[in-house]
Amino acid sequence: MARGTRKRLLIVATTTGYQLNMFREAAVRLGADVNLATDRCHVLDDPWGDHAIPVRFDAPEESAAAVVETRSFDAVVAIGDRPAHLAALIAERLKAPFHPAQATAAAINKFATRECFRNAGLPVPKYFKIRADEDAMTAAKEVLYPCVLKPLGLSTSRGVIRANNRHEFADAFARIRELLKIPGIARLKDPALDYIQVESFLPGCEFALEGLVTHGRLQVLALFDKPDPLDGPYFQETIYVSPSRKPIPVQEAIRDTTQAAVTALGLHQGPVHAEMRVQGERVWMLEVAPRPIGGLCSKALVFENGEPLEEVIVRHAFGGDVSAVRRATGASGVMMIPVSRGGIYKSVRGVDEAGTIADEVMITAKEGQRVLPLPEGNTYLGFLFAHGETASGVEERLRGAYNALQFEIAGTLPVIR
């Protein structure tokens, strides 16, 4: 298209990285110009040849107004939960297609999500929230065990701990309280971080659904099995494999319940990443995040024409018809390599051998980097990717590649005062 007709895309994100580059590359392939809005204080480098627009996720209304004051964009995409809410506020001011800001605010708040699901008649566990500075033992008396404690303002499984009795509840409560004091978390200035949510533990198999919402209607792009049990005490995600091996009635129940959850939250236009637990054919929704699957995991999604997920999302953001998009034949999967122990990452052996088993091995940990397992940590050591004819075969390859890797993590010395 002619230069004067080039569309402009705004990407709202916390940091630069693989998925950010993938979105930019997708927009460029589609003939669009790209700008970035990020919460970094200043630009250390400018790999795109454009200056990022500084924003503050702790002041979303103010930031949204500043972004659109002198600029206009045809479409907005977001990477991450807090960026998704800011993107929604920006999109409303631009009258660009995206999820409503009220819906994104509910979707990224665990308590608000539960309230929306309950009001819509969806099954929910027993739940309540408590201030993080309240007495843990008093709260422990009100709980039906086993239960799960979740810091209200953190995403994924960070800080999520199962407790089977009052003693474990008090320990978990204290541990989350200390986690919330970490400078990187405290500086978020999110009022939700003042609370811990307590829910009845839901047994069952866990799944992830990747989808797009168009005028409120859900289009399923992929349904991932999570074959490793997620029963606690912490909830470290590892393997995602698609297509699901569950019977069609179960898959249909997941799809229909996710649509009901999308409607309950008011999500309207854009990507969603949903998590759920299934008992028999009963589906318990955990969350529907108003953004795509995070980071490198998107490489586990391959579509019929070789189009990556990011390009599908950008086309959709610009109003393109993506209703015919289908997963490529066969199966695919990713393993997020967990941090088994805390310390300083030193090295890894067996990468070449693992590469003969999986299709791709990506070690993202850097020498000298401090790594922490859940519930305090929020990073992985790397990622493994595999494709094949069957989901079982893909899962086997991922496990084989992981078993070939040997990580060296040095213990940290205590600080002497």
Protein backbone atom coordinates (compact mmCIF):
# COMPACT_ATOMS: atom_id res chain seq x y z
CA MET A 1 0.00 0.00 0.00
CA ALA A 2 1.07 3.58 -0.50
CA ARG A 3 2.98 5.29 2.28
CA GLY A 4 0.11 7.64 3.00
CA THR A 5 -2.26 4.75 3.62
CA ARG A 6 -0.02 2.73 5.94
CA LYS A 7 -1.82 1.74 9.11
CA ARG A 8 -0.30 2.40 12.51
CA LEU A 9 -0.10 -0.17 15.30
CA LEU A 10 0.59 0.60 18.97
CA ILE A 11 2.07 -2.22 21.06
CA VAL A 12 1.67 -1.78 24.82
CA ALA A 13 4.17 -3.85 26.80
CA THR A 14 6.33 -3.90 29.92
CA THR A 15 9.65 -4.81 28.34
CA THR A 16 11.23 -5.62 25.03
CA GLY A 17 11.64 -9.27 24.15
CA TYR A 18 10.90 -12.09 21.78
CA GLN A 19 7.13 -11.64 21.55
CA LEU A 20 7.46 -7.89 21.12
CA ASN A 21 9.77 -8.42 18.16
CA MET A 22 7.36 -11.00 16.74
CA PHE A 23 4.50 -8.50 16.88
CA ARG A 24 6.61 -5.84 15.23
CA GLU A 25 7.72 -8.22 12.47
CA ALA A 26 4.12 -9.29 11.91
CA ALA A 27 2.98 -5.68 11.56
CA VAL A 28 5.81 -4.89 9.14
CA ARG A 29 4.87 -7.90 6.99
CA LEU A 30 1.34 -6.53 6.87
CA GLY A 31 2.61 -3.13 5.73
CA ALA A 32 2.00 -1.23 8.97
CA ASP A 33 4.03 1.23 11.01
CA VAL A 34 4.70 0.32 14.65
CA ASN A 35 5.07 2.29 17.86
CA LEU A 36 5.75 0.97 21.34
CA ALA A 37 4.35 2.18 24.67
CA THR A 38 6.29 0.87 27.65
CA ASP A 39 6.78 1.61 31.33
CA ARG A 40 10.58 1.81 31.09
CA CYS A 41 11.90 5.10 32.42
CA HIS A 42 14.10 5.74 29.42
CA VAL A 43 15.12 4.00 26.22
CA LEU A 44 18.46 2.26 26.61
CA ASP A 45 18.53 1.25 22.98
CA ASP A 46 16.26 1.76 20.00
CA PRO A 47 16.35 -1.41 17.89
CA TRP A 48 13.33 -0.39 15.86
CA GLY A 49 14.50 3.10 14.96
CA ASP A 50 11.55 4.58 16.91
CA HIS A 51 11.36 6.07 20.40
CA ALA A 52 9.08 4.27 22.82
CA ILE A 53 6.23 6.23 24.39
CA PRO A 54 6.74 6.25 28.18
CA VAL A 55 3.71 5.15 30.21
CA ARG A 56 2.96 4.19 33.81
CA PHE A 57 0.87 1.14 34.53
CA ASP A 58 0.15 2.46 38.03
CA ALA A 59 -1.47 5.54 36.43
CA PRO A 60 -3.37 4.04 33.47
CA GLU A 61 -5.92 6.83 32.95
CA GLU A 62 -3.24 9.52 32.92
CA SER A 63 -0.99 7.46 30.65
CA ALA A 64 -3.79 6.69 28.20
CA ALA A 65 -4.66 10.36 27.90
CA ALA A 66 -1.01 11.27 27.30
CA VAL A 67 -0.56 8.62 24.61
CA VAL A 68 -3.47 9.81 22.48
CA GLU A 69 -2.99 13.54 23.08
CA THR A 70 -0.77 14.06 20.04
CA ARG A 71 -0.85 10.64 18.33
CA SER A 72 -3.31 8.45 16.50
CA PHE A 73 -3.26 4.69 15.90
CA ASP A 74 -5.47 2.38 13.89
CA ALA A 75 -5.05 -0.61 16.20
CA VAL A 76 -3.71 -1.52 19.62
CA VAL A 77 -2.30 -4.82 20.91
CA ALA A 78 -0.97 -5.64 24.37
CA ILE A 79 1.55 -8.04 25.84
CA GLY A 80 0.73 -8.84 29.47
CA ASP A 81 -2.14 -8.23 31.89
CA ARG A 82 -1.43 -4.70 33.08
CA PRO A 83 -0.53 -3.57 29.53
CA ALA A 84 -3.87 -5.00 28.35
CA HIS A 85 -5.80 -2.72 30.68
CA LEU A 86 -3.84 0.34 29.57
CA ALA A 87 -4.31 -0.72 25.94
CA ALA A 88 -8.06 -0.88 26.54
CA LEU A 89 -8.11 2.67 27.90
CA ILE A 90 -6.08 3.89 24.93
CA ALA A 91 -8.32 2.04 22.46
CA GLU A 92 -11.45 3.59 23.97
CA ARG A 93 -10.03 7.06 23.44
CA LEU A 94 -8.98 6.21 19.88
CA LYS A 95 -12.25 4.38 19.17
CA ALA A 96 -10.07 1.48 18.04
CA PRO A 97 -11.24 -2.14 18.38
CA PHE A 98 -10.25 -3.80 21.66
CA HIS A 99 -11.73 -5.19 24.85
CA PRO A 100 -13.59 -2.61 27.00
CA ALA A 101 -11.51 -1.18 29.83
CA GLN A 102 -14.11 -2.25 32.39
CA ALA A 103 -13.77 -5.83 31.14
CA THR A 104 -9.95 -5.84 31.21
CA ALA A 105 -9.98 -4.44 34.73
CA ALA A 106 -12.21 -7.31 35.86
CA ALA A 107 -10.25 -9.94 33.94
CA ILE A 108 -6.90 -9.09 35.50
CA ASN A 109 -8.26 -8.97 39.06
CA LYS A 110 -8.79 -12.45 40.55
CA PHE A 111 -11.55 -11.34 42.93
CA ALA A 112 -13.44 -9.33 40.30
CA THR A 113 -13.17 -12.29 37.93
CA ARG A 114 -14.72 -14.62 40.52
CA GLU A 115 -17.53 -12.12 41.13
CA CYS A 116 -18.31 -11.89 37.42
CA PHE A 117 -18.35 -15.66 37.04
CA ARG A 118 -20.56 -16.13 40.10
CA ASN A 119 -23.02 -13.45 38.97
CA ALA A 120 -23.25 -15.14 35.56
CA GLY A 121 -24.09 -18.49 37.13
CA LEU A 122 -20.78 -20.15 36.34
CA PRO A 123 -19.47 -22.64 38.90
CA VAL A 124 -16.95 -21.06 41.26
CA PRO A 125 -15.14 -22.36 44.35
CA LYS A 126 -15.79 -20.81 47.73
CA TYR A 127 -13.66 -17.67 47.85
CA PHE A 128 -12.99 -14.53 49.82
CA LYS A 129 -10.24 -11.92 50.03
CA ILE A 130 -8.38 -10.74 53.09
CA ARG A 131 -5.98 -7.88 53.63
CA ALA A 132 -2.36 -9.01 53.63
CA ASP A 133 -1.74 -7.19 56.92
CA GLU A 134 -4.52 -9.01 58.80
CA ASP A 135 -4.02 -11.85 61.27
CA ALA A 136 -3.46 -15.13 59.39
CA MET A 137 -4.66 -17.45 62.16
CA THR A 138 -7.99 -15.63 62.43
CA ALA A 139 -8.53 -16.07 58.71
CA ALA A 140 -7.39 -19.69 58.88
CA LYS A 141 -10.42 -20.53 61.05
CA GLU A 142 -12.84 -19.46 58.29
CA VAL A 143 -11.40 -21.73 55.60
CA LEU A 144 -12.58 -25.06 54.22
CA TYR A 145 -9.47 -27.15 53.53
CA PRO A 146 -7.69 -27.80 51.28
CA CYS A 147 -7.55 -24.26 49.95
CA VAL A 148 -5.37 -22.12 47.71
CA LEU A 149 -3.98 -18.68 48.62
CA LYS A 150 -3.38 -16.23 45.77
CA PRO A 151 -1.91 -12.72 45.90
CA LEU A 152 -4.63 -10.66 44.26
CA GLY A 153 -2.38 -8.44 42.16
CA LEU A 154 0.05 -10.99 40.68
CA SER A 155 -0.43 -12.99 37.50
CA THR A 156 0.20 -16.60 36.50
CA SER A 157 1.17 -18.89 39.40
CA ARG A 158 3.44 -16.49 41.24
CA GLY A 159 2.71 -16.55 44.94
CA VAL A 160 -0.02 -19.20 44.61
CA ILE A 161 0.21 -21.75 47.45
CA ARG A 162 -1.99 -24.65 48.55
CA ALA A 163 -2.71 -25.15 52.25
CA ASN A 164 -4.18 -28.34 53.70
CA ASN A 165 -4.66 -27.15 57.29
CA ARG A 166 -4.44 -24.08 59.54
CA HIS A 167 -0.71 -24.43 60.12
CA GLU A 168 0.03 -24.55 56.39
CA PHE A 169 -2.36 -21.64 55.86
CA ALA A 170 -0.46 -19.46 58.32
CA ASP A 171 2.87 -20.39 56.72
CA ALA A 172 1.58 -19.68 53.22
CA PHE A 173 0.04 -16.38 54.32
CA ALA A 174 3.32 -15.23 55.85
CA ARG A 175 5.27 -16.30 52.78
CA ILE A 176 3.00 -14.36 50.43
CA ARG A 177 3.17 -11.32 52.71
CA GLU A 178 6.98 -11.36 52.43
CA LEU A 179 6.77 -11.82 48.66
CA LEU A 180 4.65 -8.69 48.35
CA LYS A 181 7.42 -6.69 50.03
CA ILE A 182 9.92 -7.43 47.25
CA PRO A 183 10.83 -4.04 45.71
CA GLY A 184 9.97 -5.13 42.17
CA ILE A 185 6.44 -5.99 43.32
CA ALA A 186 5.92 -3.21 45.84
CA ARG A 187 6.78 -0.54 43.28
CA LEU A 188 3.82 -1.63 41.13
CA LYS A 189 1.62 0.40 43.52
CA ASP A 190 -1.37 -1.78 42.70
CA PRO A 191 -4.11 -1.60 45.38
CA ALA A 192 -4.90 -5.26 44.61
CA LEU A 193 -1.55 -6.18 46.15
CA ASP A 194 -2.96 -5.27 49.55
CA TYR A 195 -5.08 -8.42 49.41
CA ILE A 196 -4.73 -12.19 49.36
CA GLN A 197 -7.50 -14.27 47.84
CA VAL A 198 -8.44 -17.60 49.43
CA GLU A 199 -10.26 -20.24 47.39
CA SER A 200 -11.31 -23.84 47.90
CA PHE A 201 -8.90 -26.13 46.07
CA LEU A 202 -10.31 -27.52 42.82
CA PRO A 203 -9.05 -30.99 41.90
CA GLY A 204 -8.98 -32.08 38.28
CA CYS A 205 -7.03 -31.78 35.05
CA GLU A 206 -5.97 -28.33 33.92
CA PHE A 207 -6.15 -26.91 30.39
CA ALA A 208 -5.29 -23.70 28.54
CA LEU A 209 -7.30 -22.24 25.68
CA GLU A 210 -5.96 -19.73 23.19
CA GLY A 211 -8.60 -17.74 21.40
CA LEU A 212 -9.74 -14.59 19.67
CA VAL A 213 -12.93 -12.71 20.50
CA THR A 214 -14.75 -10.90 17.69
CA HIS A 215 -17.76 -8.80 18.69
CA GLY A 216 -18.02 -10.91 21.83
CA ARG A 217 -17.90 -14.28 20.08
CA LEU A 218 -15.07 -16.67 20.93
CA GLN A 219 -12.99 -18.35 18.22
CA VAL A 220 -10.84 -21.17 19.61
CA LEU A 221 -7.35 -21.18 18.11
CA ALA A 222 -5.98 -24.02 20.23
CA LEU A 223 -6.80 -26.08 23.29
CA PHE A 224 -3.75 -27.24 25.25
CA ASP A 225 -3.55 -30.20 27.60
CA LYS A 226 -1.39 -29.69 30.69
CA PRO A 227 -0.38 -33.30 31.31
CA ASP A 228 1.62 -32.67 34.50
CA PRO A 229 -0.57 -32.65 37.64
CA LEU A 230 -1.03 -29.22 39.22
CA ASP A 231 -2.01 -30.18 42.75
CA GLY A 232 0.35 -27.99 44.78
CA PRO A 233 1.76 -26.94 47.10
CA TYR A 234 2.93 -24.68 44.25
CA PHE A 235 1.60 -24.59 40.71
CA GLN A 236 4.53 -24.67 38.31
CA GLU A 237 3.34 -24.93 34.70
CA THR A 238 5.55 -27.06 32.50
CA ILE A 239 4.15 -28.79 29.41
CA TYR A 240 1.47 -27.52 27.01
CA VAL A 241 0.43 -29.87 24.20
CA SER A 242 -2.16 -29.35 21.46
CA PRO A 243 -4.49 -30.71 20.19
CA SER A 244 -6.16 -31.88 23.35
CA ARG A 245 -6.53 -35.61 23.83
CA LYS A 246 -9.74 -35.27 25.83
CA PRO A 247 -13.02 -36.58 24.36
CA ILE A 248 -14.95 -34.20 22.10
CA PRO A 249 -17.75 -33.65 24.67
CA VAL A 250 -15.16 -32.43 27.19
CA GLN A 251 -13.58 -30.11 24.61
CA GLU A 252 -17.00 -28.74 23.70
CA ALA A 253 -17.78 -28.15 27.37
CA ILE A 254 -14.50 -26.23 27.73
CA ARG A 255 -15.27 -24.12 24.67
CA ASP A 256 -18.85 -23.36 25.76
CA THR A 257 -17.85 -22.50 29.33
CA THR A 258 -15.04 -20.25 28.10
CA GLN A 259 -17.53 -18.42 25.88
CA ALA A 260 -19.78 -17.96 28.90
CA ALA A 261 -16.81 -16.61 30.89
CA VAL A 262 -15.88 -14.20 28.08
CA THR A 263 -19.45 -12.92 28.09
CA ALA A 264 -19.53 -12.67 31.88
CA LEU A 265 -16.42 -10.49 31.91
CA GLY A 266 -17.60 -8.38 28.98
CA LEU A 267 -14.57 -9.10 26.78
CA HIS A 268 -15.43 -8.01 23.26
CA GLN A 269 -12.60 -7.77 20.74
CA GLY A 270 -9.10 -9.22 20.87
CA PRO A 271 -7.03 -12.17 22.06
CA VAL A 272 -7.77 -14.16 25.20
CA HIS A 273 -5.80 -16.78 27.09
CA ALA A 274 -8.03 -18.88 29.34
CA GLU A 275 -7.19 -21.41 32.05
CA MET A 276 -9.61 -23.95 33.46
CA ARG A 277 -9.90 -27.15 35.50
CA VAL A 278 -12.13 -30.02 34.46
CA GLN A 279 -13.80 -32.69 36.60
CA GLY A 280 -15.57 -35.18 34.35
CA GLU A 281 -17.35 -32.83 31.96
CA ARG A 282 -17.75 -30.02 34.49
CA VAL A 283 -15.56 -27.02 33.73
CA TRP A 284 -14.33 -24.62 36.41
CA MET A 285 -12.93 -21.44 34.89
CA LEU A 286 -9.79 -20.14 36.58
CA GLU A 287 -9.23 -17.03 34.47
CA VAL A 288 -9.68 -15.46 31.06
CA ALA A 289 -6.79 -13.07 30.50
CA PRO A 290 -7.37 -10.31 27.90
CA ARG A 291 -4.09 -10.99 26.09
CA PRO A 292 -2.33 -13.79 24.17
CA ILE A 293 -0.27 -16.61 25.62
CA GLY A 294 2.95 -15.18 27.01
CA GLY A 295 6.43 -14.93 25.59
CA LEU A 296 8.11 -17.76 23.78
CA CYS A 297 5.18 -20.15 24.35
CA SER A 298 3.47 -18.70 21.28
CA LYS A 299 5.98 -20.63 19.16
CA ALA A 300 4.03 -23.78 20.07
CA LEU A 301 1.15 -22.51 17.92
CA VAL A 302 1.50 -23.12 14.20
CA PHE A 303 -1.26 -22.41 11.68
CA GLU A 304 -1.98 -23.98 8.30
CA ASN A 305 -0.21 -21.37 6.19
CA GLY A 306 2.76 -21.08 8.56
CA GLU A 307 1.38 -17.82 9.98
CA PRO A 308 2.53 -17.16 13.57
CA LEU A 309 0.07 -16.27 16.31
CA GLU A 310 1.29 -12.68 16.44
CA GLU A 311 0.43 -12.09 12.79
CA VAL A 312 -3.06 -13.52 13.28
CA ILE A 313 -3.59 -11.14 16.22
CA VAL A 314 -2.33 -8.10 14.30
CA ARG A 315 -4.56 -8.90 11.31
CA HIS A 316 -7.49 -9.24 13.68
CA ALA A 317 -6.62 -5.95 15.41
CA PHE A 318 -6.71 -4.16 12.05
CA GLY A 319 -10.17 -5.58 11.38
CA GLY A 320 -9.15 -8.47 9.16
CA ASP A 321 -11.24 -11.62 8.85
CA VAL A 322 -9.36 -14.44 10.60
CA SER A 323 -12.33 -16.78 10.95
CA ALA A 324 -10.72 -19.30 8.58
CA VAL A 325 -7.51 -19.60 10.61
CA ARG A 326 -6.82 -23.19 11.65
CA ARG A 327 -4.02 -24.99 13.45
CA ALA A 328 -1.60 -26.83 11.21
CA THR A 329 -2.15 -30.59 11.04
CA GLY A 330 -0.39 -32.73 13.60
CA ALA A 331 0.51 -31.85 17.16
CA SER A 332 2.76 -29.29 18.81
CA GLY A 333 3.90 -28.45 22.29
CA VAL A 334 6.16 -26.45 24.54
CA MET A 335 7.87 -27.19 27.82
CA MET A 336 8.66 -24.29 30.09
CA ILE A 337 11.82 -25.45 31.85
CA PRO A 338 11.21 -24.96 35.57
CA VAL A 339 13.66 -23.58 38.11
CA SER A 340 14.22 -26.56 40.41
CA ARG A 341 16.19 -24.67 43.07
CA GLY A 342 17.07 -21.09 43.88
CA GLY A 343 20.54 -19.70 43.36
CA ILE A 344 22.84 -18.29 40.69
CA TYR A 345 22.54 -19.82 37.24
CA LYS A 346 25.94 -21.05 36.04
CA SER A 347 25.58 -23.30 33.00
CA VAL A 348 23.74 -26.14 31.29
CA ARG A 349 24.96 -29.38 29.74
CA GLY A 350 23.20 -31.61 27.26
CA VAL A 351 21.79 -28.95 24.93
CA ASP A 352 23.07 -30.73 21.80
CA GLU A 353 21.56 -34.03 22.90
CA ALA A 354 18.27 -32.35 23.79
CA GLY A 355 18.27 -30.74 20.36
CA THR A 356 18.28 -34.16 18.72
CA ILE A 357 15.08 -35.02 20.61
CA ALA A 358 13.10 -31.78 20.53
CA ASP A 359 12.78 -29.50 17.51
CA GLU A 360 14.18 -26.49 19.33
CA VAL A 361 15.96 -25.81 22.61
CA MET A 362 16.08 -22.23 23.87
CA ILE A 363 17.93 -21.55 27.12
CA THR A 364 16.95 -18.07 28.26
CA ALA A 365 18.72 -17.98 31.64
CA LYS A 366 21.97 -16.00 31.60
CA GLU A 367 25.17 -16.86 33.44
CA GLY A 368 25.24 -15.06 36.76
CA GLN A 369 21.48 -14.54 36.83
CA ARG A 370 19.73 -15.15 40.12
CA VAL A 371 16.89 -17.62 39.67
CA LEU A 372 14.06 -18.52 42.04
CA PRO A 373 11.51 -21.33 41.89
CA LEU A 374 7.84 -20.77 42.60
CA PRO A 375 6.13 -19.38 44.53
CA GLU A 376 8.57 -16.42 44.71
CA GLY A 377 10.03 -16.76 41.20
CA ASN A 378 8.43 -15.77 37.90
CA THR A 379 10.92 -16.93 35.27
CA TYR A 380 11.95 -20.13 33.50
CA LEU A 381 15.37 -21.46 32.57
CA GLY A 382 14.31 -21.85 28.96
CA PHE A 383 11.89 -23.50 26.58
CA LEU A 384 11.65 -26.71 24.56
CA PHE A 385 9.52 -27.04 21.44
CA ALA A 386 8.38 -30.12 19.54
CA HIS A 387 6.03 -30.98 16.70
CA GLY A 388 4.82 -34.36 15.56
CA GLU A 389 1.96 -36.49 14.35
CA THR A 390 0.42 -37.08 17.80
CA ALA A 391 0.14 -35.18 21.06
CA SER A 392 1.47 -38.20 22.95
CA GLY A 393 4.54 -38.30 20.74
CA VAL A 394 5.17 -34.58 21.24
CA GLU A 395 4.87 -34.92 25.00
CA GLU A 396 7.32 -37.83 24.99
CA ARG A 397 9.86 -35.82 22.99
CA LEU A 398 9.58 -32.85 25.32
CA ARG A 399 10.17 -35.02 28.37
CA GLY A 400 13.09 -36.77 26.71
CA ALA A 401 14.74 -33.48 25.79
CA TYR A 402 14.28 -32.15 29.32
CA ASN A 403 15.84 -35.27 30.82
CA ALA A 404 18.93 -34.70 28.65
CA LEU A 405 19.58 -31.29 30.23
CA GLN A 406 21.71 -30.82 33.36
CA PHE A 407 21.65 -27.37 34.92
CA GLU A 408 24.26 -25.99 37.31
CA ILE A 409 22.80 -23.56 39.81
CA ALA A 410 25.11 -22.35 42.57
CA GLY A 411 23.75 -21.65 46.03
CA THR A 412 23.78 -18.06 47.24
CA LEU A 413 25.74 -17.06 50.35
CA PRO A 414 23.81 -15.52 53.25
CA VAL A 415 24.19 -11.79 53.78
CA ILE A 416 26.19 -11.05 56.97
CA ARG A 417 25.21 -7.81 58.67
